[in-house]
Structures are given as C-alpha cells and as structure tokens.
Amino acid sequence: MRYVAGFVITIFLLIFAFILIFRGGSDAPDPQTGAPQLVSYANTSTEVRLTIDRPVMADQVHRQIVMTVGRDASQLSYQQGYEGAVVRSQTYANNPTAYANFLRALELAGFNKGDSTENLKDERGHCPEGDRYVMEVRDGDRVIQRFWSTSCGNIGSFKGRIDTIILLFQRQIPDYITLTADV
C-alpha cells in the first residue's frame, strides 16, 4: 500500500513539474481565449480600443465615443451618426512603459475574456435605451479580438469587469471630461 501511495504522489509531482516548466513565458496564450496575453503587445503597433455606442436613435443625433490606446499615442474620437462622422478628435503622446502598464491593468480587469461564439458577435440593437461597449484589440485594420457588453445588464460576449475597463480607458485621455461634456 505504501508503494502505491508513493507511486501516485510521484506521478502528481511529475505532472506538476511539467505544468510549471511548459507553461511560462509572457507570450503564453490566455487559457480562456487562446490569444496572447495583452502585455505581449506593449512594444508592437497593436492597439486596444473601447467604443461607447450611445442609445439607438436617429442617425442625426446618434453619438459614439471611440478611445484608442497604443504604444505611441492615445486618442479620443467623438463621432456622430452610425457611419462615424468625426465631430472632434484629440490625440495624446504615449510610450511603451505606460502602454505596458495599461495593458496589464486591462488584462487583470478581464479585457481579453469573452465568448467568441457566432451568435454573440453582433451588438447592434441590443440595449436600445442604453450604451453598448465594444472592446477590441487591433493591428491596423485587422481585428485580433472583439467583445461587447451593454449598460443594460449581463448582455453580450464580454466576460470581464466593464466598469473597470471604462474607467481605465477614460484615464488614458487627460481631457476626457471636457471632450465628452456635450455627449
């Protein structure tokens, strides 16, 4: 009986050792999404974006706020209509160290956690009286990751902490309150 217990313990220790050895590295994929950890994008041209799409209304009065943060710049774009005509835009300088810290905070808040099933890809029309939040990781025109949520409760593909994500993005735009006062 002692030999069996010793054998089982040895097997568990070997499995544990393999997990520790083969798991490491900053580019390890996130276990839920299979995507690289966000921090691995800190020294690349990849950007993260949060779009706050306001309530569903006539094209002439519909508004959205798009905040894009990258290694070299953070930008807020205030847009009108469903085709995104830019009303106002402001860009601020950024650097790789600040971007890496921001990406790590996003990661801890679950920015890269979500459900990628086909029936959850389209946020249009959901929560028509509230806001829709679209979170993206982009490399140029290529969308690497895209999840969405709403202000109407637990609706959408996003599985992280939306309030924290919104706050983190707002803090990347020094004049956020002033720039969005009339939204």
N, C-alpha and C. Protein backbone atom coordinates (compact mmCIF):
# COMPACT_ATOMS: atom_id res chain seq x y z
N MET A 1 0.82 -1.20 0.00
CA MET A 1 0.00 0.00 0.00
C MET A 1 0.87 1.27 0.00
N ARG A 2 1.99 1.24 0.77
CA ARG A 2 2.89 2.39 0.80
C ARG A 2 3.47 2.65 -0.58
N TYR A 3 3.79 1.60 -1.30
CA TYR A 3 4.38 1.74 -2.63
C TYR A 3 3.39 2.38 -3.61
N VAL A 4 2.13 2.02 -3.51
CA VAL A 4 1.10 2.59 -4.38
C VAL A 4 0.95 4.08 -4.10
N ALA A 5 0.88 4.46 -2.82
CA ALA A 5 0.76 5.87 -2.44
C ALA A 5 1.99 6.65 -2.91
N GLY A 6 3.16 6.10 -2.75
CA GLY A 6 4.38 6.75 -3.21
C GLY A 6 4.39 6.93 -4.72
N PHE A 7 3.92 5.92 -5.45
CA PHE A 7 3.85 5.99 -6.90
C PHE A 7 2.89 7.10 -7.34
N VAL A 8 1.71 7.18 -6.72
CA VAL A 8 0.71 8.19 -7.06
C VAL A 8 1.26 9.59 -6.77
N ILE A 9 1.91 9.77 -5.63
CA ILE A 9 2.48 11.07 -5.29
C ILE A 9 3.56 11.46 -6.29
N THR A 10 4.39 10.51 -6.71
CA THR A 10 5.44 10.78 -7.68
C THR A 10 4.84 11.22 -9.02
N ILE A 11 3.79 10.57 -9.46
CA ILE A 11 3.12 10.92 -10.71
C ILE A 11 2.57 12.35 -10.62
N PHE A 12 1.91 12.69 -9.52
CA PHE A 12 1.38 14.05 -9.36
C PHE A 12 2.49 15.09 -9.36
N LEU A 13 3.60 14.81 -8.72
CA LEU A 13 4.72 15.74 -8.71
C LEU A 13 5.31 15.93 -10.11
N LEU A 14 5.39 14.86 -10.88
CA LEU A 14 5.88 14.96 -12.26
C LEU A 14 4.95 15.80 -13.12
N ILE A 15 3.66 15.57 -12.98
CA ILE A 15 2.68 16.35 -13.73
C ILE A 15 2.79 17.82 -13.36
N PHE A 16 2.88 18.10 -12.08
CA PHE A 16 3.01 19.47 -11.60
C PHE A 16 4.28 20.13 -12.16
N ALA A 17 5.38 19.41 -12.18
CA ALA A 17 6.64 19.92 -12.71
C ALA A 17 6.51 20.24 -14.21
N PHE A 18 5.86 19.36 -14.98
CA PHE A 18 5.66 19.62 -16.41
C PHE A 18 4.81 20.86 -16.63
N ILE A 19 3.78 21.03 -15.82
CA ILE A 19 2.92 22.22 -15.94
C ILE A 19 3.74 23.48 -15.71
N LEU A 20 4.55 23.49 -14.67
CA LEU A 20 5.37 24.66 -14.36
C LEU A 20 6.40 24.94 -15.46
N ILE A 21 7.01 23.91 -15.98
CA ILE A 21 8.06 24.08 -16.98
C ILE A 21 7.51 24.57 -18.31
N PHE A 22 6.43 23.98 -18.79
CA PHE A 22 5.93 24.27 -20.13
C PHE A 22 4.89 25.38 -20.19
N ARG A 23 4.54 25.98 -19.09
CA ARG A 23 3.51 26.99 -19.05
C ARG A 23 4.04 28.41 -19.24
N GLY A 24 5.23 28.75 -18.82
CA GLY A 24 5.78 30.09 -18.70
C GLY A 24 5.92 30.87 -19.98
N GLY A 25 6.42 32.11 -19.83
CA GLY A 25 6.65 33.00 -20.97
C GLY A 25 5.57 34.06 -21.07
N SER A 26 5.95 35.29 -21.42
CA SER A 26 4.99 36.38 -21.47
C SER A 26 4.04 36.26 -22.66
N ASP A 27 4.40 35.48 -23.66
CA ASP A 27 3.52 35.32 -24.81
C ASP A 27 2.61 34.11 -24.68
N ALA A 28 2.52 33.56 -23.46
CA ALA A 28 1.65 32.40 -23.25
C ALA A 28 0.21 32.80 -23.54
N PRO A 29 -0.53 31.95 -24.24
CA PRO A 29 -1.91 32.31 -24.55
C PRO A 29 -2.77 32.34 -23.31
N ASP A 30 -3.76 33.21 -23.34
CA ASP A 30 -4.74 33.23 -22.27
C ASP A 30 -5.54 31.94 -22.34
N PRO A 31 -5.73 31.25 -21.21
CA PRO A 31 -6.40 29.96 -21.25
C PRO A 31 -7.85 30.02 -21.73
N GLN A 32 -8.53 31.17 -21.55
CA GLN A 32 -9.93 31.24 -21.96
C GLN A 32 -10.10 31.61 -23.43
N THR A 33 -9.22 32.46 -23.95
CA THR A 33 -9.41 32.91 -25.32
C THR A 33 -8.42 32.33 -26.31
N GLY A 34 -7.29 31.82 -25.82
CA GLY A 34 -6.26 31.31 -26.71
C GLY A 34 -5.42 32.42 -27.31
N ALA A 35 -5.73 33.69 -26.99
CA ALA A 35 -4.99 34.84 -27.51
C ALA A 35 -3.77 35.10 -26.62
N PRO A 36 -2.74 35.73 -27.19
CA PRO A 36 -1.58 36.08 -26.37
C PRO A 36 -2.00 37.04 -25.25
N GLN A 37 -1.24 37.05 -24.17
CA GLN A 37 -1.53 37.99 -23.09
C GLN A 37 -1.38 39.41 -23.64
N LEU A 38 -2.19 40.34 -23.15
CA LEU A 38 -2.18 41.70 -23.67
C LEU A 38 -0.82 42.37 -23.56
N VAL A 39 -0.13 42.15 -22.47
CA VAL A 39 1.17 42.78 -22.24
C VAL A 39 2.16 42.46 -23.37
N SER A 40 1.99 41.35 -24.04
CA SER A 40 2.90 40.99 -25.14
C SER A 40 2.80 41.97 -26.32
N TYR A 41 1.77 42.81 -26.34
CA TYR A 41 1.59 43.79 -27.41
C TYR A 41 2.26 45.14 -27.09
N ALA A 42 2.87 45.29 -25.92
CA ALA A 42 3.38 46.58 -25.46
C ALA A 42 4.39 47.22 -26.40
N ASN A 43 5.19 46.46 -27.09
CA ASN A 43 6.21 47.00 -27.98
C ASN A 43 5.88 46.76 -29.44
N THR A 44 4.59 46.67 -29.75
CA THR A 44 4.15 46.44 -31.13
C THR A 44 3.25 47.59 -31.57
N SER A 45 2.81 47.55 -32.80
CA SER A 45 1.88 48.57 -33.30
C SER A 45 0.43 48.23 -32.98
N THR A 46 0.20 47.15 -32.28
CA THR A 46 -1.15 46.74 -31.91
C THR A 46 -1.76 47.75 -30.94
N GLU A 47 -3.04 48.04 -31.13
CA GLU A 47 -3.76 48.99 -30.29
C GLU A 47 -4.97 48.31 -29.65
N VAL A 48 -5.41 48.88 -28.54
CA VAL A 48 -6.66 48.44 -27.91
C VAL A 48 -7.66 49.58 -28.04
N ARG A 49 -8.92 49.22 -28.18
CA ARG A 49 -9.95 50.23 -28.44
C ARG A 49 -11.20 49.93 -27.63
N LEU A 50 -11.81 51.01 -27.11
CA LEU A 50 -13.12 50.92 -26.48
C LEU A 50 -14.03 51.90 -27.20
N THR A 51 -15.14 51.38 -27.71
CA THR A 51 -16.16 52.22 -28.33
C THR A 51 -17.38 52.23 -27.41
N ILE A 52 -17.81 53.42 -27.05
CA ILE A 52 -19.04 53.58 -26.27
C ILE A 52 -20.09 54.07 -27.26
N ASP A 53 -20.98 53.18 -27.64
CA ASP A 53 -22.01 53.46 -28.63
C ASP A 53 -23.28 53.84 -27.88
N ARG A 54 -23.70 55.07 -28.03
CA ARG A 54 -24.83 55.63 -27.27
C ARG A 54 -26.16 54.99 -27.70
N PRO A 55 -27.28 55.34 -27.04
CA PRO A 55 -28.58 54.72 -27.35
C PRO A 55 -28.97 54.79 -28.83
N VAL A 56 -29.80 53.85 -29.23
CA VAL A 56 -30.29 53.80 -30.61
C VAL A 56 -31.26 54.96 -30.82
N MET A 57 -30.93 55.83 -31.78
CA MET A 57 -31.78 56.96 -32.14
C MET A 57 -31.53 57.35 -33.58
N ALA A 58 -32.15 58.40 -34.03
CA ALA A 58 -31.98 58.86 -35.42
C ALA A 58 -30.51 59.11 -35.71
N ASP A 59 -30.11 58.85 -36.94
CA ASP A 59 -28.72 59.00 -37.36
C ASP A 59 -28.17 60.39 -37.03
N GLN A 60 -28.99 61.42 -37.18
CA GLN A 60 -28.54 62.79 -36.98
C GLN A 60 -28.16 63.09 -35.52
N VAL A 61 -28.71 62.36 -34.57
CA VAL A 61 -28.44 62.64 -33.15
C VAL A 61 -27.68 61.50 -32.45
N HIS A 62 -27.45 60.41 -33.15
CA HIS A 62 -26.71 59.29 -32.57
C HIS A 62 -25.25 59.69 -32.36
N ARG A 63 -24.66 59.29 -31.22
CA ARG A 63 -23.28 59.63 -30.90
C ARG A 63 -22.52 58.39 -30.43
N GLN A 64 -21.21 58.43 -30.59
CA GLN A 64 -20.35 57.40 -30.01
C GLN A 64 -19.00 58.01 -29.68
N ILE A 65 -18.37 57.42 -28.68
CA ILE A 65 -17.04 57.83 -28.26
C ILE A 65 -16.11 56.66 -28.53
N VAL A 66 -15.02 56.90 -29.22
CA VAL A 66 -14.04 55.85 -29.53
C VAL A 66 -12.71 56.25 -28.91
N MET A 67 -12.23 55.41 -27.98
CA MET A 67 -10.93 55.64 -27.35
C MET A 67 -9.98 54.55 -27.82
N THR A 68 -8.86 54.95 -28.42
CA THR A 68 -7.87 54.02 -28.94
C THR A 68 -6.54 54.31 -28.25
N VAL A 69 -5.94 53.26 -27.69
CA VAL A 69 -4.67 53.42 -26.98
C VAL A 69 -3.65 52.49 -27.61
N GLY A 70 -2.49 53.04 -27.92
CA GLY A 70 -1.40 52.27 -28.48
C GLY A 70 -0.09 52.63 -27.82
N ARG A 71 0.96 52.04 -28.32
CA ARG A 71 2.30 52.24 -27.77
C ARG A 71 2.73 53.71 -27.84
N ASP A 72 2.39 54.40 -28.92
CA ASP A 72 2.88 55.76 -29.14
C ASP A 72 1.85 56.86 -28.91
N ALA A 73 0.56 56.51 -28.86
CA ALA A 73 -0.47 57.54 -28.73
C ALA A 73 -1.76 56.97 -28.13
N SER A 74 -2.49 57.89 -27.48
CA SER A 74 -3.86 57.62 -27.02
C SER A 74 -4.74 58.64 -27.73
N GLN A 75 -5.91 58.19 -28.20
CA GLN A 75 -6.77 59.09 -28.96
C GLN A 75 -8.22 58.92 -28.55
N LEU A 76 -8.91 60.05 -28.45
CA LEU A 76 -10.36 60.05 -28.26
C LEU A 76 -10.98 60.65 -29.51
N SER A 77 -11.97 59.95 -30.03
CA SER A 77 -12.70 60.43 -31.20
C SER A 77 -14.18 60.47 -30.84
N TYR A 78 -14.78 61.64 -30.96
CA TYR A 78 -16.19 61.84 -30.69
C TYR A 78 -16.88 61.84 -32.05
N GLN A 79 -17.82 60.89 -32.26
CA GLN A 79 -18.39 60.69 -33.59
C GLN A 79 -19.90 60.85 -33.58
N GLN A 80 -20.45 61.25 -34.73
CA GLN A 80 -21.88 61.43 -34.91
C GLN A 80 -22.39 60.48 -35.97
N GLY A 81 -23.58 59.95 -35.76
CA GLY A 81 -24.21 59.08 -36.75
C GLY A 81 -23.65 57.67 -36.72
N TYR A 82 -24.35 56.77 -37.37
CA TYR A 82 -23.96 55.37 -37.36
C TYR A 82 -22.78 55.07 -38.28
N GLU A 83 -22.44 56.00 -39.16
CA GLU A 83 -21.29 55.81 -40.02
C GLU A 83 -20.03 56.45 -39.45
N GLY A 84 -20.14 57.04 -38.26
CA GLY A 84 -18.98 57.52 -37.52
C GLY A 84 -18.31 58.78 -38.05
N ALA A 85 -19.10 59.78 -38.43
CA ALA A 85 -18.50 61.05 -38.86
C ALA A 85 -17.84 61.71 -37.65
N VAL A 86 -16.56 62.02 -37.75
CA VAL A 86 -15.81 62.56 -36.62
C VAL A 86 -16.20 64.02 -36.39
N VAL A 87 -16.69 64.29 -35.17
CA VAL A 87 -17.04 65.65 -34.76
C VAL A 87 -15.83 66.30 -34.10
N ARG A 88 -15.12 65.54 -33.28
CA ARG A 88 -13.97 66.05 -32.54
C ARG A 88 -13.02 64.90 -32.29
N SER A 89 -11.72 65.19 -32.34
CA SER A 89 -10.72 64.17 -32.07
C SER A 89 -9.54 64.81 -31.36
N GLN A 90 -8.96 64.11 -30.41
CA GLN A 90 -7.80 64.61 -29.67
C GLN A 90 -6.83 63.46 -29.47
N THR A 91 -5.55 63.71 -29.73
CA THR A 91 -4.52 62.68 -29.59
C THR A 91 -3.48 63.13 -28.57
N TYR A 92 -3.01 62.18 -27.78
CA TYR A 92 -2.01 62.43 -26.74
C TYR A 92 -0.85 61.46 -26.93
N ALA A 93 0.35 61.91 -26.62
CA ALA A 93 1.53 61.05 -26.72
C ALA A 93 1.47 59.94 -25.67
N ASN A 94 2.03 58.79 -26.01
CA ASN A 94 2.13 57.66 -25.09
C ASN A 94 3.52 57.06 -25.25
N ASN A 95 3.87 56.08 -24.41
CA ASN A 95 5.16 55.42 -24.52
C ASN A 95 5.00 53.94 -24.15
N PRO A 96 5.95 53.11 -24.53
CA PRO A 96 5.82 51.66 -24.30
C PRO A 96 5.65 51.27 -22.83
N THR A 97 6.29 51.98 -21.91
CA THR A 97 6.16 51.64 -20.48
C THR A 97 4.74 51.92 -19.99
N ALA A 98 4.21 53.08 -20.34
CA ALA A 98 2.84 53.42 -19.95
C ALA A 98 1.85 52.44 -20.58
N TYR A 99 2.09 52.11 -21.85
CA TYR A 99 1.21 51.19 -22.56
C TYR A 99 1.24 49.80 -21.92
N ALA A 100 2.42 49.32 -21.55
CA ALA A 100 2.53 48.01 -20.90
C ALA A 100 1.77 47.99 -19.58
N ASN A 101 1.86 49.06 -18.80
CA ASN A 101 1.12 49.13 -17.54
C ASN A 101 -0.39 49.13 -17.79
N PHE A 102 -0.82 49.89 -18.79
CA PHE A 102 -2.23 49.95 -19.15
C PHE A 102 -2.73 48.57 -19.61
N LEU A 103 -1.96 47.92 -20.47
CA LEU A 103 -2.35 46.58 -20.95
C LEU A 103 -2.47 45.58 -19.81
N ARG A 104 -1.53 45.64 -18.88
CA ARG A 104 -1.58 44.71 -17.73
C ARG A 104 -2.83 44.97 -16.89
N ALA A 105 -3.16 46.24 -16.66
CA ALA A 105 -4.37 46.58 -15.91
C ALA A 105 -5.62 46.09 -16.64
N LEU A 106 -5.65 46.26 -17.97
CA LEU A 106 -6.78 45.75 -18.76
C LEU A 106 -6.89 44.24 -18.63
N GLU A 107 -5.75 43.57 -18.71
CA GLU A 107 -5.74 42.12 -18.60
C GLU A 107 -6.30 41.65 -17.26
N LEU A 108 -5.88 42.32 -16.19
CA LEU A 108 -6.36 41.96 -14.85
C LEU A 108 -7.86 42.24 -14.69
N ALA A 109 -8.38 43.19 -15.46
CA ALA A 109 -9.81 43.51 -15.43
C ALA A 109 -10.61 42.61 -16.38
N GLY A 110 -9.94 41.72 -17.09
CA GLY A 110 -10.64 40.78 -17.96
C GLY A 110 -10.93 41.27 -19.36
N PHE A 111 -10.16 42.25 -19.85
CA PHE A 111 -10.38 42.80 -21.19
C PHE A 111 -10.37 41.72 -22.27
N ASN A 112 -9.56 40.70 -22.08
CA ASN A 112 -9.45 39.65 -23.10
C ASN A 112 -10.25 38.40 -22.74
N LYS A 113 -11.30 38.57 -21.92
CA LYS A 113 -12.16 37.44 -21.57
C LYS A 113 -13.53 37.62 -22.21
N GLY A 114 -13.94 36.62 -22.95
CA GLY A 114 -15.23 36.72 -23.59
C GLY A 114 -15.61 35.45 -24.30
N ASP A 115 -16.78 35.47 -24.87
CA ASP A 115 -17.34 34.33 -25.59
C ASP A 115 -17.34 34.67 -27.08
N SER A 116 -16.62 33.90 -27.86
CA SER A 116 -16.48 34.18 -29.30
C SER A 116 -17.47 33.43 -30.17
N THR A 117 -18.53 32.87 -29.60
CA THR A 117 -19.49 32.13 -30.41
C THR A 117 -20.18 33.06 -31.42
N GLU A 118 -20.55 32.50 -32.54
CA GLU A 118 -21.08 33.26 -33.67
C GLU A 118 -22.32 34.09 -33.31
N ASN A 119 -23.23 33.54 -32.51
CA ASN A 119 -24.48 34.25 -32.21
C ASN A 119 -24.29 35.45 -31.29
N LEU A 120 -23.08 35.65 -30.74
CA LEU A 120 -22.82 36.80 -29.87
C LEU A 120 -21.92 37.85 -30.52
N LYS A 121 -21.68 37.76 -31.81
CA LYS A 121 -20.74 38.68 -32.47
C LYS A 121 -21.33 40.04 -32.79
N ASP A 122 -22.64 40.18 -32.86
CA ASP A 122 -23.27 41.41 -33.32
C ASP A 122 -24.01 42.10 -32.18
N GLU A 123 -23.53 43.27 -31.77
CA GLU A 123 -24.14 44.01 -30.66
C GLU A 123 -25.25 44.95 -31.10
N ARG A 124 -25.40 45.17 -32.39
CA ARG A 124 -26.38 46.14 -32.89
C ARG A 124 -27.78 45.84 -32.38
N GLY A 125 -28.45 46.90 -31.92
CA GLY A 125 -29.84 46.78 -31.47
C GLY A 125 -30.01 46.34 -30.03
N HIS A 126 -29.00 45.74 -29.44
CA HIS A 126 -29.10 45.34 -28.03
C HIS A 126 -29.09 46.58 -27.15
N CYS A 127 -29.85 46.55 -26.06
CA CYS A 127 -29.88 47.65 -25.09
C CYS A 127 -30.16 48.98 -25.79
N PRO A 128 -31.30 49.09 -26.52
CA PRO A 128 -31.54 50.28 -27.35
C PRO A 128 -31.66 51.59 -26.56
N GLU A 129 -31.99 51.52 -25.27
CA GLU A 129 -32.11 52.74 -24.48
C GLU A 129 -30.85 53.05 -23.68
N GLY A 130 -29.85 52.18 -23.78
CA GLY A 130 -28.61 52.37 -23.04
C GLY A 130 -27.41 52.37 -23.96
N ASP A 131 -26.25 52.13 -23.36
CA ASP A 131 -24.99 52.14 -24.11
C ASP A 131 -24.53 50.73 -24.43
N ARG A 132 -23.83 50.62 -25.57
CA ARG A 132 -23.15 49.39 -25.94
C ARG A 132 -21.66 49.67 -25.90
N TYR A 133 -20.90 48.74 -25.36
CA TYR A 133 -19.45 48.90 -25.22
C TYR A 133 -18.77 47.82 -26.06
N VAL A 134 -17.92 48.25 -26.98
CA VAL A 134 -17.21 47.31 -27.84
C VAL A 134 -15.72 47.42 -27.51
N MET A 135 -15.12 46.29 -27.12
CA MET A 135 -13.71 46.23 -26.77
C MET A 135 -12.96 45.45 -27.84
N GLU A 136 -11.92 46.06 -28.39
CA GLU A 136 -11.18 45.44 -29.48
C GLU A 136 -9.68 45.50 -29.25
N VAL A 137 -9.00 44.50 -29.79
CA VAL A 137 -7.55 44.53 -29.94
C VAL A 137 -7.34 44.54 -31.45
N ARG A 138 -6.61 45.56 -31.96
CA ARG A 138 -6.47 45.76 -33.39
C ARG A 138 -5.02 45.93 -33.79
N ASP A 139 -4.69 45.41 -34.95
CA ASP A 139 -3.38 45.65 -35.55
C ASP A 139 -3.66 46.23 -36.93
N GLY A 140 -3.62 47.54 -37.02
CA GLY A 140 -4.03 48.21 -38.25
C GLY A 140 -5.52 48.00 -38.45
N ASP A 141 -5.90 47.49 -39.63
CA ASP A 141 -7.31 47.22 -39.91
C ASP A 141 -7.74 45.83 -39.46
N ARG A 142 -6.78 45.03 -39.01
CA ARG A 142 -7.08 43.65 -38.60
C ARG A 142 -7.55 43.62 -37.14
N VAL A 143 -8.73 43.06 -36.93
CA VAL A 143 -9.27 42.92 -35.58
C VAL A 143 -8.80 41.57 -35.02
N ILE A 144 -8.00 41.62 -33.97
CA ILE A 144 -7.46 40.41 -33.35
C ILE A 144 -8.46 39.82 -32.37
N GLN A 145 -9.14 40.70 -31.64
CA GLN A 145 -10.11 40.26 -30.63
C GLN A 145 -11.22 41.30 -30.56
N ARG A 146 -12.45 40.87 -30.36
CA ARG A 146 -13.59 41.80 -30.27
C ARG A 146 -14.66 41.20 -29.37
N PHE A 147 -14.97 41.90 -28.29
CA PHE A 147 -16.06 41.52 -27.39
C PHE A 147 -16.93 42.74 -27.13
N TRP A 148 -18.16 42.53 -26.67
CA TRP A 148 -19.04 43.65 -26.40
C TRP A 148 -19.91 43.38 -25.17
N SER A 149 -20.40 44.48 -24.61
CA SER A 149 -21.27 44.42 -23.43
C SER A 149 -22.24 45.59 -23.53
N THR A 150 -23.13 45.71 -22.56
CA THR A 150 -24.09 46.82 -22.56
C THR A 150 -24.25 47.38 -21.14
N SER A 151 -24.92 48.52 -21.07
CA SER A 151 -25.26 49.10 -19.77
C SER A 151 -26.58 48.53 -19.25
N CYS A 152 -27.17 47.59 -19.97
CA CYS A 152 -28.46 47.00 -19.61
C CYS A 152 -28.34 45.70 -18.82
N GLY A 153 -27.20 45.42 -18.28
CA GLY A 153 -27.06 44.18 -17.51
C GLY A 153 -26.15 43.20 -18.21
N ASN A 154 -26.34 41.95 -17.90
CA ASN A 154 -25.45 40.89 -18.37
C ASN A 154 -25.78 40.45 -19.80
N ILE A 155 -25.58 41.37 -20.74
CA ILE A 155 -25.85 41.10 -22.16
C ILE A 155 -24.54 41.27 -22.91
N GLY A 156 -24.22 40.33 -23.79
CA GLY A 156 -23.05 40.48 -24.64
C GLY A 156 -22.06 39.35 -24.52
N SER A 157 -20.97 39.50 -25.26
CA SER A 157 -19.95 38.46 -25.31
C SER A 157 -18.82 38.70 -24.31
N PHE A 158 -18.75 39.90 -23.74
CA PHE A 158 -17.67 40.26 -22.82
C PHE A 158 -17.90 39.64 -21.45
N LYS A 159 -16.83 39.11 -20.84
CA LYS A 159 -16.95 38.43 -19.54
C LYS A 159 -16.06 39.06 -18.47
N GLY A 160 -15.48 40.23 -18.74
CA GLY A 160 -14.63 40.91 -17.77
C GLY A 160 -15.43 41.93 -16.96
N ARG A 161 -14.71 42.86 -16.34
CA ARG A 161 -15.32 43.90 -15.49
C ARG A 161 -15.45 45.20 -16.30
N ILE A 162 -16.62 45.43 -16.85
CA ILE A 162 -16.83 46.55 -17.77
C ILE A 162 -16.61 47.90 -17.11
N ASP A 163 -17.05 48.10 -15.87
CA ASP A 163 -16.86 49.39 -15.20
C ASP A 163 -15.39 49.73 -15.06
N THR A 164 -14.57 48.74 -14.73
CA THR A 164 -13.13 48.96 -14.60
C THR A 164 -12.50 49.27 -15.95
N ILE A 165 -12.92 48.57 -16.98
CA ILE A 165 -12.40 48.80 -18.33
C ILE A 165 -12.70 50.22 -18.78
N ILE A 166 -13.94 50.68 -18.59
CA ILE A 166 -14.32 52.04 -18.99
C ILE A 166 -13.46 53.06 -18.25
N LEU A 167 -13.31 52.90 -16.96
CA LEU A 167 -12.52 53.82 -16.15
C LEU A 167 -11.06 53.85 -16.60
N LEU A 168 -10.49 52.67 -16.88
CA LEU A 168 -9.10 52.61 -17.34
C LEU A 168 -8.91 53.38 -18.65
N PHE A 169 -9.84 53.22 -19.58
CA PHE A 169 -9.73 53.94 -20.85
C PHE A 169 -9.91 55.45 -20.64
N GLN A 170 -10.89 55.85 -19.84
CA GLN A 170 -11.11 57.27 -19.59
C GLN A 170 -9.86 57.92 -18.99
N ARG A 171 -9.14 57.19 -18.15
CA ARG A 171 -7.94 57.73 -17.52
C ARG A 171 -6.76 57.85 -18.48
N GLN A 172 -6.87 57.28 -19.67
CA GLN A 172 -5.83 57.43 -20.68
C GLN A 172 -6.00 58.70 -21.49
N ILE A 173 -7.14 59.37 -21.31
CA ILE A 173 -7.45 60.60 -22.05
C ILE A 173 -7.47 61.74 -21.03
N PRO A 174 -6.40 62.55 -20.94
CA PRO A 174 -6.32 63.58 -19.89
C PRO A 174 -7.51 64.54 -19.84
N ASP A 175 -8.08 64.92 -20.97
CA ASP A 175 -9.20 65.86 -21.01
C ASP A 175 -10.54 65.16 -21.26
N TYR A 176 -10.67 63.94 -20.81
CA TYR A 176 -11.87 63.14 -21.12
C TYR A 176 -13.16 63.90 -20.74
N ILE A 177 -13.24 64.42 -19.54
CA ILE A 177 -14.47 65.10 -19.08
C ILE A 177 -14.80 66.29 -19.98
N THR A 178 -13.82 67.10 -20.29
CA THR A 178 -14.03 68.27 -21.13
C THR A 178 -14.45 67.88 -22.55
N LEU A 179 -13.75 66.89 -23.11
CA LEU A 179 -14.02 66.49 -24.50
C LEU A 179 -15.37 65.82 -24.68
N THR A 180 -15.90 65.21 -23.63
CA THR A 180 -17.17 64.49 -23.76
C THR A 180 -18.32 65.16 -23.02
N ALA A 181 -18.13 66.40 -22.58
CA ALA A 181 -19.15 67.10 -21.79
C ALA A 181 -20.49 67.21 -22.50
N ASP A 182 -20.49 67.36 -23.80
CA ASP A 182 -21.75 67.55 -24.54
C ASP A 182 -22.28 66.27 -25.18
N VAL A 183 -21.72 65.13 -24.80
CA VAL A 183 -22.18 63.87 -25.39
C VAL A 183 -23.45 63.43 -24.69
